[in-house]
Amino acid sequence: MRSDRLSASNTQVDTQGACRYALRLKDVSKTFGNRHAVDHMDFDLPRGAFLSIFGPNGAGKTTLLRMLSTLSRPSAGSIELLGIDIKEHPDQARRHIGFISHQSMLYGDLSAEENLMIAARLYGVVHPEQRVADMLDAVELSHRRLDLARTFSRGMTQRLSIARALINDPDIVFLDEPYSGLDPHAVEVFDELIASVRADRTFVMVSHDLDKGLAACTHALVMARGRRVYFSSREDLDRDSFSDLYRRTVGMGVS
């Protein structure tokens, strides 16, 4: 389901893999008044990894995700996405990003086809009509392409959101509690869709579901009170110790 790639002239990233890391964070903080929502965050995430982010409500998970996806600017520190400094070149970074949330980010009074066409044209997708048709087919919504998005069920809305997030063939996909509100069948469809586009992409997912997050990930990050309290590859992760740490961290709540 990979589409025509964006022109190499529009990016500083070596698409042959010279950039080893999908994400590099150095001393990243985000403050709101006197509150540190994210506090001195550091980690390096290899390309092709799947990072699951865990932590209690108010830990700073969504704030971190919003900074990584250029929806919010860090108050301090630096973030590189595929070698691009996102503070200095946010537009360039966005060409490589897809974002899937429990909030649809769709226009309810536009059709499925219109929603995807807007996204395709914003990203300058080559052959947008064909790309839109291909994505609707991939998420099994071709038969509803002319229906308004507000008439869709929760599961169908999430499938359309996935199509919108992948319309530009992103290298990195951010997922913010993507399973929230989905019924079991919709969860199964969602998992199959993510698996079908897993190759050659990096994923970063915020989740409260420990089992599902660990099953999907190659790396795990636990946050509490805006800080990193654990970061490891799955290979180095001891499940029992991790589960105990996670329970204690969730009990910390917010400061």
Protein backbone atom coordinates (compact mmCIF):
# COMPACT_ATOMS: atom_id res chain seq x y z
CA MET A 1 0.00 0.00 0.00
CA ARG A 2 3.04 2.24 -0.38
CA SER A 3 2.34 5.24 -2.63
CA ASP A 4 4.58 7.35 -4.83
CA ARG A 5 7.24 8.84 -2.57
CA LEU A 6 7.64 12.56 -2.03
CA SER A 7 10.32 14.15 -4.15
CA ALA A 8 13.80 13.65 -2.77
CA SER A 9 14.45 17.33 -3.39
CA ASN A 10 11.97 18.16 -0.62
CA THR A 11 13.85 16.41 2.16
CA GLN A 12 17.25 16.30 3.75
CA VAL A 13 16.73 12.70 4.84
CA ASP A 14 18.78 10.01 3.10
CA THR A 15 16.03 7.59 2.07
CA GLN A 16 18.63 4.85 1.61
CA GLY A 17 18.99 4.72 5.40
CA ALA A 18 21.93 6.96 6.25
CA CYS A 19 19.89 8.35 9.16
CA ARG A 20 19.86 5.60 11.76
CA TYR A 21 17.31 7.11 14.09
CA ALA A 22 13.67 7.94 13.55
CA LEU A 23 13.66 10.16 16.64
CA ARG A 24 16.35 11.73 18.83
CA LEU A 25 15.34 13.73 21.90
CA LYS A 26 17.80 15.76 23.96
CA ASP A 27 16.69 17.42 27.21
CA VAL A 28 13.16 18.10 25.91
CA SER A 29 10.78 19.96 28.21
CA LYS A 30 7.33 21.49 27.87
CA THR A 31 6.07 23.91 30.50
CA PHE A 32 2.68 25.47 31.10
CA GLY A 33 3.24 28.27 33.58
CA ASN A 34 5.08 26.67 36.49
CA ARG A 35 4.07 23.11 35.56
CA HIS A 36 6.42 20.81 33.69
CA ALA A 37 4.18 18.64 31.49
CA VAL A 38 7.33 17.05 30.01
CA ASP A 39 10.52 17.36 32.03
CA HIS A 40 14.01 16.84 30.51
CA MET A 41 13.09 13.93 28.22
CA ASP A 42 15.88 12.05 26.42
CA PHE A 43 15.84 8.96 24.20
CA ASP A 44 16.88 7.71 20.76
CA LEU A 45 14.47 5.56 18.74
CA PRO A 46 15.80 3.54 15.77
CA ARG A 47 14.08 3.65 12.40
CA GLY A 48 11.49 0.92 11.96
CA ALA A 49 10.85 0.63 15.71
CA PHE A 50 7.47 0.53 17.45
CA LEU A 51 7.53 2.55 20.69
CA SER A 52 4.72 2.12 23.21
CA ILE A 53 4.42 4.92 25.79
CA PHE A 54 2.79 4.12 29.13
CA GLY A 55 2.03 6.08 32.28
CA PRO A 56 -0.75 7.44 34.50
CA ASN A 57 -3.17 10.16 33.50
CA GLY A 58 -1.35 13.49 33.53
CA ALA A 59 2.07 11.90 33.01
CA GLY A 60 2.73 14.00 29.90
CA LYS A 61 2.27 11.25 27.30
CA THR A 62 -0.02 13.15 24.95
CA THR A 63 1.98 16.36 25.40
CA LEU A 64 5.10 14.47 24.35
CA LEU A 65 3.30 12.97 21.35
CA ARG A 66 2.08 16.39 20.25
CA MET A 67 5.64 17.74 20.34
CA LEU A 68 7.00 14.78 18.40
CA SER A 69 4.34 15.25 15.73
CA THR A 70 4.97 19.04 15.46
CA LEU A 71 1.53 19.92 16.85
CA SER A 72 3.22 21.68 19.78
CA ARG A 73 6.66 23.26 20.23
CA PRO A 74 8.97 22.22 23.07
CA SER A 75 9.82 24.88 25.63
CA ALA A 76 13.41 23.62 25.76
CA GLY A 77 15.63 20.94 24.26
CA SER A 78 15.82 19.53 20.74
CA ILE A 79 13.93 16.92 18.73
CA GLU A 80 15.23 15.40 15.51
CA LEU A 81 12.86 13.41 13.30
CA LEU A 82 14.73 11.42 10.64
CA GLY A 83 17.61 13.84 11.10
CA ILE A 84 15.39 16.92 10.74
CA ASP A 85 15.35 19.48 13.55
CA ILE A 86 11.60 19.89 13.98
CA LYS A 87 11.95 23.24 15.72
CA GLU A 88 13.86 24.68 12.78
CA HIS A 89 12.09 22.82 9.95
CA PRO A 90 8.59 21.76 11.12
CA ASP A 91 7.06 21.80 7.63
CA GLN A 92 9.78 19.53 6.33
CA ALA A 93 9.26 17.12 9.23
CA ARG A 94 5.48 17.02 8.69
CA ARG A 95 5.94 15.49 5.25
CA HIS A 96 7.07 12.33 7.00
CA ILE A 97 4.38 12.20 9.71
CA GLY A 98 1.00 10.52 10.08
CA PHE A 99 -1.17 11.01 13.19
CA ILE A 100 -3.97 8.74 14.41
CA SER A 101 -5.96 9.64 17.52
CA HIS A 102 -9.14 8.66 19.34
CA GLN A 103 -10.34 12.02 18.00
CA SER A 104 -11.08 11.59 14.30
CA MET A 105 -9.72 14.92 12.99
CA LEU A 106 -12.24 14.53 10.16
CA TYR A 107 -14.77 16.99 8.73
CA GLY A 108 -18.15 15.51 9.59
CA ASP A 109 -20.06 17.36 6.86
CA LEU A 110 -17.73 16.19 4.10
CA SER A 111 -17.76 12.78 2.48
CA ALA A 112 -15.11 10.15 3.08
CA GLU A 113 -13.67 10.87 -0.35
CA GLU A 114 -13.63 14.64 0.24
CA ASN A 115 -11.87 14.25 3.60
CA LEU A 116 -9.09 12.21 2.04
CA MET A 117 -8.81 14.48 -1.00
CA ILE A 118 -8.25 17.53 1.20
CA ALA A 119 -5.45 15.73 3.06
CA ALA A 120 -3.90 14.45 -0.17
CA ARG A 121 -3.79 17.91 -1.73
CA LEU A 122 -2.41 19.51 1.44
CA TYR A 123 0.48 17.05 1.33
CA GLY A 124 1.00 17.43 -2.41
CA VAL A 125 0.39 13.72 -3.03
CA VAL A 126 1.17 12.61 -6.58
CA HIS A 127 -2.00 11.39 -8.38
CA PRO A 128 -4.32 12.24 -5.45
CA GLU A 129 -7.48 10.75 -6.99
CA GLN A 130 -5.85 7.33 -7.36
CA ARG A 131 -4.28 7.53 -3.91
CA VAL A 132 -7.65 8.37 -2.33
CA ALA A 133 -9.31 5.47 -4.15
CA ASP A 134 -6.54 3.09 -3.07
CA MET A 135 -6.76 4.17 0.57
CA LEU A 136 -10.55 3.85 0.67
CA ASP A 137 -10.19 0.36 -0.74
CA ALA A 138 -7.49 -0.50 1.82
CA VAL A 139 -9.72 0.44 4.76
CA GLU A 140 -12.78 -1.20 3.15
CA LEU A 141 -14.76 2.01 2.75
CA SER A 142 -15.01 2.31 -1.02
CA HIS A 143 -18.73 1.58 -0.85
CA ARG A 144 -19.19 4.56 1.51
CA ARG A 145 -16.91 6.99 -0.31
CA LEU A 146 -19.71 9.53 -0.98
CA ASP A 147 -21.30 9.30 2.48
CA LEU A 148 -20.76 12.05 5.05
CA ALA A 149 -18.19 11.22 7.71
CA ARG A 150 -20.64 12.12 10.51
CA THR A 151 -22.86 9.19 9.47
CA PHE A 152 -20.11 6.64 10.14
CA SER A 153 -19.91 4.30 13.13
CA ARG A 154 -17.01 4.64 15.56
CA GLY A 155 -15.13 1.79 13.89
CA MET A 156 -15.67 3.18 10.38
CA THR A 157 -14.63 6.64 11.54
CA GLN A 158 -11.38 5.22 12.90
CA ARG A 159 -10.73 3.37 9.64
CA LEU A 160 -11.22 6.59 7.70
CA SER A 161 -8.89 8.36 10.15
CA ILE A 162 -6.24 5.74 9.41
CA ALA A 163 -6.65 6.34 5.69
CA ARG A 164 -6.25 10.09 6.24
CA ALA A 165 -3.16 9.59 8.40
CA LEU A 166 -1.51 7.36 5.78
CA ILE A 167 -2.52 9.36 2.70
CA ASN A 168 0.95 10.94 2.42
CA ASP A 169 2.73 7.57 2.88
CA PRO A 170 4.39 8.72 6.14
CA ASP A 171 7.63 7.30 7.50
CA ILE A 172 6.55 7.82 11.13
CA VAL A 173 3.03 7.23 12.47
CA PHE A 174 1.93 8.59 15.86
CA LEU A 175 -1.02 6.95 17.63
CA ASP A 176 -2.73 8.58 20.62
CA GLU A 177 -4.96 6.04 22.41
CA PRO A 178 -6.18 4.70 19.05
CA TYR A 179 -8.28 1.90 20.60
CA SER A 180 -10.41 4.20 22.74
CA GLY A 181 -14.11 3.55 22.14
CA LEU A 182 -13.62 0.73 19.61
CA ASP A 183 -15.66 -2.46 19.82
CA PRO A 184 -13.86 -5.83 19.53
CA HIS A 185 -14.46 -6.14 15.78
CA ALA A 186 -13.20 -2.62 15.16
CA VAL A 187 -10.10 -3.40 17.24
CA GLU A 188 -9.44 -6.45 15.09
CA VAL A 189 -9.82 -4.45 11.87
CA PHE A 190 -7.57 -1.72 13.25
CA ASP A 191 -4.85 -4.23 14.19
CA GLU A 192 -4.98 -5.80 10.73
CA LEU A 193 -4.65 -2.40 9.07
CA ILE A 194 -1.66 -1.41 11.20
CA ALA A 195 -0.01 -4.78 10.52
CA SER A 196 -0.52 -4.32 6.78
CA VAL A 197 1.43 -1.03 6.76
CA ARG A 198 3.95 -1.93 9.47
CA ALA A 199 6.90 -2.59 7.14
CA ASP A 200 9.38 0.26 6.62
CA ARG A 201 7.60 2.57 9.08
CA THR A 202 8.22 3.73 12.64
CA PHE A 203 5.30 3.81 15.09
CA VAL A 204 4.92 5.66 18.38
CA MET A 205 1.80 4.80 20.39
CA VAL A 206 0.40 6.16 23.66
CA SER A 207 -1.60 3.44 25.41
CA HIS A 208 -3.19 2.57 28.74
CA ASP A 209 -3.50 -1.07 27.64
CA LEU A 210 -0.33 -2.72 28.94
CA ASP A 211 -0.88 -6.07 27.21
CA LYS A 212 -1.67 -4.62 23.80
CA GLY A 213 1.08 -2.02 24.04
CA LEU A 214 3.73 -4.58 24.95
CA ALA A 215 2.54 -7.04 22.31
CA ALA A 216 3.01 -4.44 19.58
CA CYS A 217 6.20 -2.72 20.68
CA THR A 218 9.90 -3.10 20.00
CA HIS A 219 10.62 -0.41 22.63
CA ALA A 220 8.77 0.74 25.76
CA LEU A 221 8.75 4.09 27.55
CA VAL A 222 7.14 4.72 30.93
CA MET A 223 6.45 8.30 32.02
CA ALA A 224 5.38 9.80 35.34
CA ARG A 225 5.03 13.47 36.25
CA GLY A 226 6.50 14.44 32.90
CA ARG A 227 9.67 12.42 33.33
CA ARG A 228 11.09 9.29 31.80
CA VAL A 229 11.16 6.58 34.47
CA TYR A 230 11.87 3.67 32.12
CA PHE A 231 13.03 3.21 28.53
CA SER A 232 14.17 -0.08 27.02
CA SER A 233 14.06 -2.27 23.96
CA ARG A 234 11.67 -5.21 24.26
CA GLU A 235 14.64 -7.59 24.03
CA ASP A 236 15.98 -6.20 27.32
CA LEU A 237 12.59 -5.98 29.00
CA ASP A 238 11.73 -8.34 31.84
CA ARG A 239 7.94 -8.59 31.80
CA ASP A 240 7.45 -9.22 35.53
CA SER A 241 9.76 -6.40 36.60
CA PHE A 242 8.22 -4.10 34.03
CA SER A 243 4.66 -4.88 35.15
CA ASP A 244 5.60 -4.15 38.76
CA LEU A 245 7.25 -0.87 37.76
CA TYR A 246 4.24 0.08 35.67
CA ARG A 247 1.81 -0.55 38.55
CA ARG A 248 3.91 1.55 40.90
CA THR A 249 4.22 4.32 38.31
CA VAL A 250 0.49 4.45 37.62
CA GLY A 251 -0.01 4.76 41.39
CA MET A 252 2.11 7.92 41.34
CA GLY A 253 -0.54 9.86 39.45
CA VAL A 254 0.20 13.50 38.75
CA SER A 255 2.20 15.93 40.81
